[in-house]
């Protein structure tokens, strides 16, 4: 899923990973890495939640 050149699919993957993280759902290892990085950048939280 992540290995794509489609920007919208990548953004969707990031949003999905962040949503799962916020809902305390079980994350795949790559989703966990993305969520960890996003958590360090609060300026992007609202963008990913919308």
Protein backbone atom coordinates (compact mmCIF):
# COMPACT_ATOMS: atom_id res chain seq x y z
CA UNK A 1 0.00 0.00 0.00
CA UNK A 2 2.67 2.52 0.90
CA UNK A 3 4.81 1.90 -2.16
CA UNK A 4 2.94 4.14 -4.54
CA UNK A 5 3.56 7.35 -6.40
CA UNK A 6 0.00 8.53 -5.81
CA UNK A 7 0.17 11.45 -3.40
CA UNK A 8 -3.46 11.04 -2.31
CA UNK A 9 -2.92 7.39 -1.36
CA UNK A 10 0.14 8.31 0.68
CA UNK A 11 -1.72 11.08 2.46
CA UNK A 12 -4.55 8.66 3.16
CA UNK A 13 -2.11 6.18 4.67
CA UNK A 14 -0.69 8.88 6.95
CA UNK A 15 -4.18 9.98 8.02
CA UNK A 16 -5.22 6.40 8.68
CA UNK A 17 -2.10 5.72 10.76
CA UNK A 18 -2.65 8.87 12.79
CA UNK A 19 -6.33 8.04 13.35
CA UNK A 20 -5.47 4.53 14.54
CA UNK A 21 -2.82 5.98 16.87
CA UNK A 22 -5.29 8.50 18.32
CA UNK A 23 -7.85 5.72 18.87
CA UNK A 24 -5.27 3.50 20.59
CA UNK A 25 -5.74 0.85 17.90
CA UNK A 26 -3.12 -1.73 17.09
CA UNK A 27 -0.65 -0.35 14.56
CA UNK A 28 1.50 -2.10 12.03
CA UNK A 29 5.23 -1.33 12.46
CA UNK A 30 5.27 1.21 9.61
CA UNK A 31 2.12 2.89 10.94
CA UNK A 32 3.79 3.12 14.36
CA UNK A 33 6.83 4.84 12.84
CA UNK A 34 4.62 7.33 11.02
CA UNK A 35 2.57 8.03 14.15
CA UNK A 36 5.73 8.57 16.20
CA UNK A 37 7.03 11.13 13.73
CA UNK A 38 3.68 12.89 13.42
CA UNK A 39 3.38 13.07 17.21
CA UNK A 40 6.58 15.13 17.25
CA UNK A 41 5.01 17.70 14.89
CA UNK A 42 1.80 19.12 16.41
CA UNK A 43 1.55 21.62 13.56
CA UNK A 44 0.32 18.73 11.37
CA UNK A 45 -2.15 17.13 13.79
CA UNK A 46 -5.18 19.12 12.66
CA UNK A 47 -4.33 18.56 9.00
CA UNK A 48 -4.26 14.80 9.47
CA UNK A 49 -7.42 14.75 11.53
CA UNK A 50 -9.47 16.54 8.87
